[in-house]
């Protein structure tokens, strides 16, 4: 049951309980009053009749009856013991209040008919029930309306929180225009959290971009100096290799900073998918088996005969290159690149230990490679691939094959709508 219906049910239950409580109290108060008045009237009449009987020996005109056949048995037994009393009873003639006392071995009694009083109490009960129903009919819609407004505001807060979690840090609830209550406090807290998180991420992005830009100039000098080292020496080769690694890292950081800032836009055009994948694999200098949909296993196929897709070839090449390099660096051969017959899905698989659970749950994270078994690295390759896929309007998912190995699946849209991305 949702919060709205819980509030509606609570309002309905509270209204019905209040109406029932008031009705019971009024019913008992009215009935007790009628019985008390009838009892006093019966006693007074009985006393006058007894006084008249003692004086004259008769009861004519007093309203009393001697040895009445309808007298309740409990009251009759009480009188036989020498006591007097009253009792309310419902008999064939209807409800009545009886008063009786002993009179020279006989029973002198008075009967006060209460049919009218009981009908009045019944009518009062009916009116109380109708009033309770009318009150519930009025209060329940008001409670439902209030609950709906509260539920709508809570759903808005939840939807905004989900947008923030999905990366839209500009999302706000705008609680300032809402009533000042607990929900407004929650909304304001969510907005404050989003603003603080956005500012921190922007600081991180600016720091990453600034560091990468500052490192680029001295790094170019290092690259030039490394190329001037004498060839053939082991130390010189090691220095040149490390400088290339550092240069690649800085370029990756610059690319990530552009992706985070939403400065990347796709240049879409229809192009054959096969040549793009061949160029991507060849650019890595690593081995990978390309399988195109419709070709038998191990059967070569002309890439030019493959499907055409609407995409940005440079960005698609970058994605596939990073996936293949990651498969070789952190997995084991053979590495397979598979394309479906329609060209909308590209899968890159290795036969290593698979992606770690943390990556499958949270996605790729920069400077985190998961587990030691996946090898060493900076964790930027998959981050860049995911960012470039978002620019293309594609979806990049990660999983593990049942028989072992990491599987990265790129789903290309038929005609994506590119736009700035949110870091």
Foldseek 3Di string as FASTA:
>chain_A
DDQLVVLLVVQLVVLLVVLVVVLVVVLVVLVVVVLVVQQVVFVVLLVVQLVCCVVPVDRPPSQKDKQDPPDDPVQVVCQQVQDWDKDWDQDPVGTWIKTWHDDPNIIIMHIGHCPVSVVVSVVVSVVSVVVSVVVSVVVSVVSSVVSVVVVVLVVLLVVQLVCVVVFPLVRASPLVPPDPDPSSVVRVVSNVVSVVVVVVVVVVLVVLQVVLVVVQVVLVVQLVVLVPDDPPDPVSVVSNVVSVVVNVVSVLSNLVSCLQVLVDAWDKDKDQPLVLLVVLVVVLVDDEAEAEAPDDVPGDDDSVPAAIATGRSVLVSLLSNLLQVLCVQQAADDWYWYAHRNRQKIKIKGAGAEQAPVCQVPNQDFQDRHDPSRHDDGSSSRVSSCSSLVQGVWHWHWDADPNGIIMIMIGHDRHHDGGGDHD
